C-alpha atoms as a PDB file:
ATOM      1  CA  MET A   1     -25.493  -1.981  23.501  1.00  0.00           C
ATOM      2  CA  VAL A   2     -24.557  -5.023  25.602  1.00  0.00           C
ATOM      3  CA  GLY A   3     -22.991  -8.064  23.973  1.00  0.00           C
ATOM      4  CA  ILE A   4     -22.780 -11.329  25.931  1.00  0.00           C
ATOM      5  CA  GLY A   5     -21.105 -14.418  24.435  1.00  0.00           C
ATOM      6  CA  GLY A   6     -18.268 -15.262  22.067  1.00  0.00           C
ATOM      7  CA  GLY A   7     -16.387 -13.531  19.266  1.00  0.00           C
ATOM      8  CA  LYS A   8     -19.097 -13.340  16.608  1.00  0.00           C
ATOM      9  CA  THR A   9     -21.677 -12.111  19.114  1.00  0.00           C
ATOM     10  CA  LEU A  10     -19.317  -9.475  20.476  1.00  0.00           C
ATOM     11  CA  ASP A  11     -18.262  -8.330  16.997  1.00  0.00           C
ATOM     12  CA  THR A  12     -21.948  -7.961  16.113  1.00  0.00           C
ATOM     13  CA  ALA A  13     -22.624  -5.960  19.279  1.00  0.00           C
ATOM     14  CA  LYS A  14     -19.727  -3.624  18.488  1.00  0.00           C
ATOM     15  CA  ALA A  15     -21.044  -3.083  14.965  1.00  0.00           C
ATOM     16  CA  ILE A  16     -24.575  -2.326  16.176  1.00  0.00           C
ATOM     17  CA  GLY A  17     -23.239   0.039  18.813  1.00  0.00           C
ATOM     18  CA  TYR A  18     -21.184   1.886  16.228  1.00  0.00           C
ATOM     19  CA  TYR A  19     -23.956   2.298  13.663  1.00  0.00           C
ATOM     20  CA  GLN A  20     -26.569   3.190  16.291  1.00  0.00           C
ATOM     21  CA  LYS A  21     -24.149   5.529  18.101  1.00  0.00           C
ATOM     22  CA  LEU A  22     -24.572   3.680  21.411  1.00  0.00           C
ATOM     23  CA  PRO A  23     -22.074   2.931  24.210  1.00  0.00           C
ATOM     24  CA  VAL A  24     -20.864  -0.677  24.005  1.00  0.00           C
ATOM     25  CA  VAL A  25     -20.458  -3.047  26.965  1.00  0.00           C
ATOM     26  CA  VAL A  26     -18.862  -6.386  26.156  1.00  0.00           C
ATOM     27  CA  ILE A  27     -19.281  -9.439  28.433  1.00  0.00           C
ATOM     28  CA  PRO A  28     -17.334 -12.414  27.051  1.00  0.00           C
ATOM     29  CA  THR A  29     -18.326 -15.884  28.257  1.00  0.00           C
ATOM     30  CA  ILE A  30     -15.243 -17.452  26.643  1.00  0.00           C
ATOM     31  CA  ALA A  31     -11.613 -16.385  26.142  1.00  0.00           C
ATOM     32  CA  SER A  32     -11.205 -17.744  22.620  1.00  0.00           C
ATOM     33  CA  THR A  33      -9.964 -14.568  20.862  1.00  0.00           C
ATOM     34  CA  ASP A  34      -8.842 -11.020  21.591  1.00  0.00           C
ATOM     35  CA  ALA A  35     -12.047  -9.627  20.034  1.00  0.00           C
ATOM     36  CA  PRO A  36     -13.565  -8.221  23.273  1.00  0.00           C
ATOM     37  CA  THR A  37     -11.131  -5.345  23.746  1.00  0.00           C
ATOM     38  CA  SER A  38     -10.522  -4.464  20.102  1.00  0.00           C
ATOM     39  CA  ALA A  39     -11.983  -1.613  18.057  1.00  0.00           C
ATOM     40  CA  LEU A  40     -12.859  -3.794  15.096  1.00  0.00           C
ATOM     41  CA  SER A  41     -15.155  -6.552  13.886  1.00  0.00           C
ATOM     42  CA  VAL A  42     -14.199  -9.315  11.451  1.00  0.00           C
ATOM     43  CA  ILE A  43     -16.632  -9.779   8.582  1.00  0.00           C
ATOM     44  CA  TYR A  44     -16.998 -13.190   6.912  1.00  0.00           C
ATOM     45  CA  THR A  45     -19.041 -14.252   3.891  1.00  0.00           C
ATOM     46  CA  GLU A  46     -22.011 -16.591   4.238  1.00  0.00           C
ATOM     47  CA  ALA A  47     -19.639 -19.392   3.172  1.00  0.00           C
ATOM     48  CA  GLY A  48     -17.325 -18.638   6.118  1.00  0.00           C
ATOM     49  CA  GLU A  49     -14.553 -16.986   4.109  1.00  0.00           C
ATOM     50  CA  PHE A  50     -12.801 -13.871   5.422  1.00  0.00           C
ATOM     51  CA  GLU A  51     -14.121 -10.716   3.761  1.00  0.00           C
ATOM     52  CA  GLU A  52     -12.859  -7.614   5.607  1.00  0.00           C
ATOM     53  CA  TYR A  53     -12.072  -5.866   8.876  1.00  0.00           C
ATOM     54  CA  LEU A  54     -14.597  -3.284  10.040  1.00  0.00           C
ATOM     55  CA  ILE A  55     -12.545  -0.770  12.040  1.00  0.00           C
ATOM     56  CA  TYR A  56     -14.145   1.586  14.587  1.00  0.00           C
ATOM     57  CA  PRO A  57     -12.930   4.930  15.936  1.00  0.00           C
ATOM     58  CA  LYS A  58     -12.907   3.669  19.536  1.00  0.00           C
ATOM     59  CA  ASN A  59     -12.765   0.521  21.655  1.00  0.00           C
ATOM     60  CA  PRO A  60     -15.726  -0.879  23.629  1.00  0.00           C
ATOM     61  CA  ASP A  61     -16.636   1.345  26.568  1.00  0.00           C
ATOM     62  CA  MET A  62     -16.415  -1.527  29.045  1.00  0.00           C
ATOM     63  CA  VAL A  63     -15.282  -5.165  29.047  1.00  0.00           C
ATOM     64  CA  VAL A  64     -16.462  -7.366  31.933  1.00  0.00           C
ATOM     65  CA  MET A  65     -15.121 -10.908  32.369  1.00  0.00           C
ATOM     66  CA  ASP A  66     -16.157 -13.428  35.025  1.00  0.00           C
ATOM     67  CA  THR A  67     -13.344 -15.971  35.122  1.00  0.00           C
ATOM     68  CA  ALA A  68     -15.547 -18.504  36.929  1.00  0.00           C
ATOM     69  CA  ILE A  69     -17.838 -18.575  33.878  1.00  0.00           C
ATOM     70  CA  ILE A  70     -14.930 -18.808  31.451  1.00  0.00           C
ATOM     71  CA  ALA A  71     -13.429 -21.687  33.457  1.00  0.00           C
ATOM     72  CA  LYS A  72     -16.588 -23.715  32.754  1.00  0.00           C
ATOM     73  CA  ALA A  73     -16.467 -23.147  28.984  1.00  0.00           C
ATOM     74  CA  PRO A  74     -15.075 -25.829  26.644  1.00  0.00           C
ATOM     75  CA  VAL A  75     -11.300 -26.123  27.051  1.00  0.00           C
ATOM     76  CA  ARG A  76     -10.753 -26.016  23.298  1.00  0.00           C
ATOM     77  CA  LEU A  77     -12.046 -22.430  23.239  1.00  0.00           C
ATOM     78  CA  LEU A  78      -9.489 -21.276  25.809  1.00  0.00           C
ATOM     79  CA  VAL A  79      -6.741 -23.047  23.863  1.00  0.00           C
ATOM     80  CA  SER A  80      -7.925 -21.356  20.676  1.00  0.00           C
ATOM     81  CA  GLY A  81      -7.558 -18.025  22.459  1.00  0.00           C
ATOM     82  CA  MET A  82      -3.956 -18.944  23.226  1.00  0.00           C
ATOM     83  CA  GLY A  83      -3.430 -19.660  19.530  1.00  0.00           C
ATOM     84  CA  ASP A  84      -4.741 -16.223  18.627  1.00  0.00           C
ATOM     85  CA  ALA A  85      -2.574 -14.585  21.297  1.00  0.00           C
ATOM     86  CA  LEU A  86       0.481 -16.597  20.200  1.00  0.00           C
ATOM     87  CA  SER A  87       0.773 -14.506  17.044  1.00  0.00           C
ATOM     88  CA  THR A  88       0.650 -11.131  18.804  1.00  0.00           C
ATOM     89  CA  TRP A  89       4.349 -10.790  19.635  1.00  0.00           C
ATOM     90  CA  PHE A  90       5.624 -12.020  16.276  1.00  0.00           C
ATOM     91  CA  GLU A  91       3.238  -9.870  14.258  1.00  0.00           C
ATOM     92  CA  ALA A  92       3.877  -6.834  16.473  1.00  0.00           C
ATOM     93  CA  LYS A  93       7.650  -7.199  16.013  1.00  0.00           C
ATOM     94  CA  ALA A  94       7.269  -7.546  12.244  1.00  0.00           C
ATOM     95  CA  CYS A  95       5.117  -4.404  12.100  1.00  0.00           C
ATOM     96  CA  TYR A  96       7.533  -2.526  14.344  1.00  0.00           C
ATOM     97  CA  ASP A  97      10.504  -3.476  12.158  1.00  0.00           C
ATOM     98  CA  ALA A  98       8.602  -2.507   8.996  1.00  0.00           C
ATOM     99  CA  ARG A  99       7.338   0.744  10.551  1.00  0.00           C
ATOM    100  CA  ALA A 100       3.919  -0.380   9.361  1.00  0.00           C
ATOM    101  CA  THR A 101       0.776   1.503  10.307  1.00  0.00           C
ATOM    102  CA  SER A 102      -0.894  -0.077  13.334  1.00  0.00           C
ATOM    103  CA  MET A 103      -4.548  -1.145  13.475  1.00  0.00           C
ATOM    104  CA  ALA A 104      -5.140   2.075  15.453  1.00  0.00           C
ATOM    105  CA  GLY A 105      -3.745   4.112  12.570  1.00  0.00           C
ATOM    106  CA  GLY A 106      -0.388   5.130  14.037  1.00  0.00           C
ATOM    107  CA  GLN A 107       3.122   3.805  14.512  1.00  0.00           C
ATOM    108  CA  SER A 108       3.962   1.026  16.933  1.00  0.00           C
ATOM    109  CA  THR A 109       5.720   2.101  20.126  1.00  0.00           C
ATOM    110  CA  GLU A 110       8.066   0.465  22.606  1.00  0.00           C
ATOM    111  CA  ALA A 111       5.139   0.287  25.039  1.00  0.00           C
ATOM    112  CA  ALA A 112       3.009  -1.573  22.499  1.00  0.00           C
ATOM    113  CA  LEU A 113       5.861  -3.958  21.762  1.00  0.00           C
ATOM    114  CA  SER A 114       6.316  -4.599  25.483  1.00  0.00           C
ATOM    115  CA  LEU A 115       2.643  -5.528  25.870  1.00  0.00           C
ATOM    116  CA  ALA A 116       2.934  -7.932  22.957  1.00  0.00           C
ATOM    117  CA  ARG A 117       6.052  -9.534  24.432  1.00  0.00           C
ATOM    118  CA  LEU A 118       4.382  -9.860  27.840  1.00  0.00           C
ATOM    119  CA  CYS A 119       1.518 -11.649  26.106  1.00  0.00           C
ATOM    120  CA  TYR A 120       3.915 -14.201  24.590  1.00  0.00           C
ATOM    121  CA  ASP A 121       5.882 -14.709  27.807  1.00  0.00           C
ATOM    122  CA  THR A 122       2.649 -15.243  29.757  1.00  0.00           C
ATOM    123  CA  LEU A 123       1.491 -17.900  27.306  1.00  0.00           C
ATOM    124  CA  LEU A 124       4.739 -19.842  27.640  1.00  0.00           C
ATOM    125  CA  ALA A 125       4.765 -19.581  31.446  1.00  0.00           C
ATOM    126  CA  GLU A 126       1.098 -20.189  32.210  1.00  0.00           C
ATOM    127  CA  GLY A 127      -0.568 -21.776  29.178  1.00  0.00           C
ATOM    128  CA  GLU A 128      -0.309 -25.444  30.045  1.00  0.00           C
ATOM    129  CA  LYS A 129      -1.301 -24.868  33.681  1.00  0.00           C
ATOM    130  CA  ALA A 130      -4.276 -22.778  32.591  1.00  0.00           C
ATOM    131  CA  ARG A 131      -5.444 -25.466  30.177  1.00  0.00           C
ATOM    132  CA  LEU A 132      -5.443 -28.033  32.981  1.00  0.00           C
ATOM    133  CA  ALA A 133      -7.357 -25.670  35.275  1.00  0.00           C
ATOM    134  CA  ALA A 134      -9.976 -25.143  32.578  1.00  0.00           C
ATOM    135  CA  GLN A 135     -10.143 -28.902  32.067  1.00  0.00           C
ATOM    136  CA  ALA A 136     -11.027 -29.196  35.753  1.00  0.00           C
ATOM    137  CA  GLY A 137     -13.438 -26.257  35.460  1.00  0.00           C
ATOM    138  CA  VAL A 138     -11.678 -24.286  38.188  1.00  0.00           C
ATOM    139  CA  VAL A 139     -10.113 -20.839  38.464  1.00  0.00           C
ATOM    140  CA  THR A 140      -6.399 -20.645  39.277  1.00  0.00           C
ATOM    141  CA  GLU A 141      -3.889 -17.818  39.083  1.00  0.00           C
ATOM    142  CA  ALA A 142      -2.530 -19.332  35.858  1.00  0.00           C
ATOM    143  CA  LEU A 143      -6.011 -19.313  34.306  1.00  0.00           C
ATOM    144  CA  GLU A 144      -6.543 -15.696  35.366  1.00  0.00           C
ATOM    145  CA  ARG A 145      -3.280 -14.701  33.699  1.00  0.00           C
ATOM    146  CA  ILE A 146      -4.093 -16.548  30.479  1.00  0.00           C
ATOM    147  CA  ILE A 147      -7.530 -14.957  30.283  1.00  0.00           C
ATOM    148  CA  GLU A 148      -5.811 -11.578  30.607  1.00  0.00           C
ATOM    149  CA  ALA A 149      -3.254 -12.545  27.940  1.00  0.00           C
ATOM    150  CA  ASN A 150      -5.839 -13.933  25.511  1.00  0.00           C
ATOM    151  CA  THR A 151      -8.146 -10.964  25.849  1.00  0.00           C
ATOM    152  CA  TYR A 152      -6.380  -7.807  27.005  1.00  0.00           C
ATOM    153  CA  LEU A 153      -2.663  -8.199  26.287  1.00  0.00           C
ATOM    154  CA  SER A 154      -3.308  -9.718  22.879  1.00  0.00           C
ATOM    155  CA  GLY A 155      -6.091  -7.288  22.002  1.00  0.00           C
ATOM    156  CA  ILE A 156      -4.247  -4.124  22.945  1.00  0.00           C
ATOM    157  CA  GLY A 157      -0.964  -5.623  21.728  1.00  0.00           C
ATOM    158  CA  PHE A 158      -2.138  -6.314  18.177  1.00  0.00           C
ATOM    159  CA  GLU A 159      -4.162  -3.126  17.942  1.00  0.00           C
ATOM    160  CA  SER A 160      -1.290  -0.928  19.059  1.00  0.00           C
ATOM    161  CA  SER A 161       1.274  -2.611  16.799  1.00  0.00           C
ATOM    162  CA  GLY A 162      -0.502  -4.362  13.937  1.00  0.00           C
ATOM    163  CA  LEU A 163      -1.166  -7.668  12.237  1.00  0.00           C
ATOM    164  CA  ALA A 164       1.167  -9.303   9.742  1.00  0.00           C
ATOM    165  CA  ALA A 165       1.620 -12.758   8.170  1.00  0.00           C
ATOM    166  CA  ALA A 166       0.016 -15.024  10.781  1.00  0.00           C
ATOM    167  CA  HIS A 167      -3.460 -13.497  10.529  1.00  0.00           C
ATOM    168  CA  ALA A 168      -3.229 -13.110   6.758  1.00  0.00           C
ATOM    169  CA  ILE A 169      -2.416 -16.819   6.469  1.00  0.00           C
ATOM    170  CA  HIS A 170      -5.401 -17.535   8.739  1.00  0.00           C
ATOM    171  CA  ASN A 171      -7.551 -15.545   6.324  1.00  0.00           C
ATOM    172  CA  GLY A 172      -6.141 -17.541   3.430  1.00  0.00           C
ATOM    173  CA  PHE A 173      -7.096 -20.829   5.094  1.00  0.00           C
ATOM    174  CA  THR A 174     -10.727 -19.712   5.367  1.00  0.00           C
ATOM    175  CA  ILE A 175     -11.147 -20.461   1.634  1.00  0.00           C
ATOM    176  CA  LEU A 176     -10.720 -24.188   2.357  1.00  0.00           C
ATOM    177  CA  GLU A 177     -13.936 -25.926   3.367  1.00  0.00           C
ATOM    178  CA  GLU A 178     -12.025 -28.564   5.341  1.00  0.00           C
ATOM    179  CA  CYS A 179     -10.737 -25.804   7.642  1.00  0.00           C
ATOM    180  CA  HIS A 180     -14.156 -24.367   8.502  1.00  0.00           C
ATOM    181  CA  HIS A 181     -14.406 -26.612  11.577  1.00  0.00           C
ATOM    182  CA  LEU A 182     -11.367 -24.913  13.087  1.00  0.00           C
ATOM    183  CA  TYR A 183     -11.616 -22.024  15.508  1.00  0.00           C
ATOM    184  CA  HIS A 184      -9.967 -18.710  14.654  1.00  0.00           C
ATOM    185  CA  GLY A 185      -7.020 -19.180  17.015  1.00  0.00           C
ATOM    186  CA  GLU A 186      -6.309 -22.699  15.776  1.00  0.00           C
ATOM    187  CA  LYS A 187      -5.718 -21.392  12.266  1.00  0.00           C
ATOM    188  CA  VAL A 188      -3.768 -18.405  13.590  1.00  0.00           C
ATOM    189  CA  ALA A 189      -1.446 -20.725  15.537  1.00  0.00           C
ATOM    190  CA  PHE A 190      -0.460 -22.564  12.367  1.00  0.00           C
ATOM    191  CA  GLY A 191      -0.214 -19.190  10.617  1.00  0.00           C
ATOM    192  CA  THR A 192       2.256 -18.116  13.304  1.00  0.00           C
ATOM    193  CA  LEU A 193       4.410 -21.152  12.621  1.00  0.00           C
ATOM    194  CA  ALA A 194       4.293 -20.354   8.897  1.00  0.00           C
ATOM    195  CA  GLN A 195       5.266 -16.731   9.612  1.00  0.00           C
ATOM    196  CA  LEU A 196       8.303 -17.920  11.563  1.00  0.00           C
ATOM    197  CA  VAL A 197       9.374 -19.961   8.546  1.00  0.00           C
ATOM    198  CA  LEU A 198       8.648 -17.066   6.186  1.00  0.00           C
ATOM    199  CA  GLN A 199      10.895 -14.724   8.182  1.00  0.00           C
ATOM    200  CA  ASN A 200      13.533 -17.430   8.685  1.00  0.00           C
ATOM    201  CA  SER A 201      13.391 -17.344  12.494  1.00  0.00           C
ATOM    202  CA  PRO A 202      16.024 -19.285  14.467  1.00  0.00           C
ATOM    203  CA  MET A 203      15.275 -22.966  14.910  1.00  0.00           C
ATOM    204  CA  ASP A 204      15.168 -22.706  18.698  1.00  0.00           C
ATOM    205  CA  GLU A 205      12.392 -20.093  18.429  1.00  0.00           C
ATOM    206  CA  ILE A 206      10.428 -22.293  16.022  1.00  0.00           C
ATOM    207  CA  GLU A 207      10.839 -25.278  18.345  1.00  0.00           C
ATOM    208  CA  THR A 208       9.638 -23.213  21.320  1.00  0.00           C
ATOM    209  CA  VAL A 209       6.439 -22.448  19.409  1.00  0.00           C
ATOM    210  CA  LEU A 210       6.057 -26.064  18.260  1.00  0.00           C
ATOM    211  CA  GLY A 211       6.491 -27.333  21.804  1.00  0.00           C
ATOM    212  CA  PHE A 212       3.977 -24.862  23.198  1.00  0.00           C
ATOM    213  CA  CYS A 213       1.398 -25.767  20.551  1.00  0.00           C
ATOM    214  CA  GLN A 214       1.803 -29.471  21.191  1.00  0.00           C
ATOM    215  CA  ARG A 215       1.503 -29.070  24.962  1.00  0.00           C
ATOM    216  CA  VAL A 216      -1.697 -27.056  24.886  1.00  0.00           C
ATOM    217  CA  GLY A 217      -3.299 -28.765  21.882  1.00  0.00           C
ATOM    218  CA  LEU A 218      -2.909 -26.426  18.901  1.00  0.00           C
ATOM    219  CA  PRO A 219      -2.369 -27.745  15.359  1.00  0.00           C
ATOM    220  CA  VAL A 220       1.156 -27.824  13.915  1.00  0.00           C
ATOM    221  CA  THR A 221       0.514 -29.793  10.702  1.00  0.00           C
ATOM    222  CA  LEU A 222      -1.823 -29.495   7.737  1.00  0.00           C
ATOM    223  CA  ALA A 223      -3.273 -32.920   8.559  1.00  0.00           C
ATOM    224  CA  GLN A 224      -4.261 -31.658  12.013  1.00  0.00           C
ATOM    225  CA  MET A 225      -5.927 -28.734  10.245  1.00  0.00           C
ATOM    226  CA  GLY A 226      -7.917 -31.161   8.085  1.00  0.00           C
ATOM    227  CA  VAL A 227      -5.957 -30.645   4.843  1.00  0.00           C
ATOM    228  CA  LYS A 228      -4.968 -34.124   3.710  1.00  0.00           C
ATOM    229  CA  GLU A 229      -5.511 -34.330  -0.058  1.00  0.00           C
ATOM    230  CA  GLY A 230      -4.555 -32.142  -2.992  1.00  0.00           C
ATOM    231  CA  ILE A 231      -2.229 -30.295  -0.671  1.00  0.00           C
ATOM    232  CA  ASP A 232      -0.008 -28.506  -3.158  1.00  0.00           C
ATOM    233  CA  GLU A 233      -2.886 -27.080  -5.181  1.00  0.00           C
ATOM    234  CA  LYS A 234      -4.890 -26.089  -2.097  1.00  0.00           C
ATOM    235  CA  ILE A 235      -1.971 -24.398  -0.374  1.00  0.00           C
ATOM    236  CA  ALA A 236      -1.191 -22.503  -3.581  1.00  0.00           C
ATOM    237  CA  ALA A 237      -4.752 -21.140  -3.457  1.00  0.00           C
ATOM    238  CA  VAL A 238      -4.379 -20.304   0.253  1.00  0.00           C
ATOM    239  CA  ALA A 239      -1.117 -18.481  -0.487  1.00  0.00           C
ATOM    240  CA  LYS A 240      -2.753 -16.464  -3.253  1.00  0.00           C
ATOM    241  CA  ALA A 241      -5.610 -15.412  -0.952  1.00  0.00           C
ATOM    242  CA  THR A 242      -3.098 -14.598   1.795  1.00  0.00           C
ATOM    243  CA  CYS A 243      -1.341 -12.121  -0.473  1.00  0.00           C
ATOM    244  CA  ALA A 244      -4.482 -10.332  -1.690  1.00  0.00           C
ATOM    245  CA  GLU A 245      -4.257  -6.563  -1.982  1.00  0.00           C
ATOM    246  CA  GLY A 246      -4.728  -4.898   1.398  1.00  0.00           C
ATOM    247  CA  GLU A 247      -3.934  -8.039   3.396  1.00  0.00           C
ATOM    248  CA  THR A 248      -1.862  -7.628   6.548  1.00  0.00           C
ATOM    249  CA  ILE A 249       0.903  -9.873   5.218  1.00  0.00           C
ATOM    250  CA  HIS A 250       2.170  -6.786   3.401  1.00  0.00           C
ATOM    251  CA  ASN A 251       3.091  -5.396   6.838  1.00  0.00           C
ATOM    252  CA  MET A 252       6.029  -7.792   6.923  1.00  0.00           C
ATOM    253  CA  PRO A 253       9.399  -5.971   6.759  1.00  0.00           C
ATOM    254  CA  PHE A 254      10.202  -7.538   3.380  1.00  0.00           C
ATOM    255  CA  ALA A 255       8.392  -8.267   0.123  1.00  0.00           C
ATOM    256  CA  VAL A 256       6.104 -11.298   0.267  1.00  0.00           C
ATOM    257  CA  THR A 257       4.761 -13.264  -2.701  1.00  0.00           C
ATOM    258  CA  PRO A 258       2.277 -16.148  -3.039  1.00  0.00           C
ATOM    259  CA  GLU A 259       5.247 -18.360  -3.896  1.00  0.00           C
ATOM    260  CA  SER A 260       7.102 -17.511  -0.680  1.00  0.00           C
ATOM    261  CA  VAL A 261       3.951 -18.064   1.409  1.00  0.00           C
ATOM    262  CA  HIS A 262       3.304 -21.402  -0.343  1.00  0.00           C
ATOM    263  CA  ALA A 263       6.856 -22.475   0.483  1.00  0.00           C
ATOM    264  CA  ALA A 264       6.566 -21.310   4.106  1.00  0.00           C
ATOM    265  CA  ILE A 265       3.304 -23.200   4.720  1.00  0.00           C
ATOM    266  CA  LEU A 266       4.610 -26.456   3.239  1.00  0.00           C
ATOM    267  CA  THR A 267       7.842 -26.157   5.218  1.00  0.00           C
ATOM    268  CA  ALA A 268       5.931 -25.371   8.423  1.00  0.00           C
ATOM    269  CA  ASP A 269       3.881 -28.510   7.861  1.00  0.00           C
ATOM    270  CA  LEU A 270       7.018 -30.640   7.561  1.00  0.00           C
ATOM    271  CA  LEU A 271       8.496 -29.019  10.671  1.00  0.00           C
ATOM    272  CA  GLY A 272       5.320 -29.897  12.535  1.00  0.00           C
ATOM    273  CA  GLN A 273       5.386 -33.479  11.293  1.00  0.00           C
ATOM    274  CA  GLN A 274       9.039 -33.800  12.282  1.00  0.00           C
ATOM    275  CA  TRP A 275       8.314 -32.378  15.729  1.00  0.00           C
ATOM    276  CA  LEU A 276       5.420 -34.766  16.407  1.00  0.00           C
ATOM    277  CA  ALA A 277       7.522 -37.747  15.285  1.00  0.00           C
ATOM    278  CA  ARG A 278      10.231 -37.040  17.893  1.00  0.00           C
END
């Protein structure tokens, strides 16, 4: 089974390969998520709301990426991939601290944590340069490194350690119709900011993430996400969905409630507003 295209196409190819017992070759034409290397597919409802993760016993047999093709894709897709990869380190560390079961079904290791950290460090070092290269439609060393971070480091990093609050908050936001225009990584980026608030990260770490998001073009406020009216009620509903039974937010190394998620999202929004007003 050969899948050529973006995340939904590749997730579909992986599912067909699994059920038909066929080898799977994945050929991404964009670097918008870490889906290509992972042993799972994300299932959404017809309305675009997150439904479940379909987890496979093995990863794709081969992943082939032509960076010249990816360089010609819309820049926003590459940036979205950075947003998805941005969460990898913070979620991996949370899972490691909680001794949570990884997406692969085991315990996180120092090696897995190192991959996740390398992913984050690569984003900070190369992200802005890679975005400009993609804007010009050319391949540079920075773009090559970001494609690797978005796809391989993030994919193997999250799978070997686990997901936590950032992706669960993304899943919560899928219940809001005004967020359906956003790409996966754009919602995950804001979810990462909310996770940092939830775990009371140091302000300098939060500001590093805010600065990165602003430089590459990822949302840091609810208004940028499209949520502008009825905010309190809508975020309460998002928080409730985020904390559904079986959600990855329960991998955090402390108890999480809809109330604490609601507070974290609203505070993250104000931090983003404050940052943009500087």
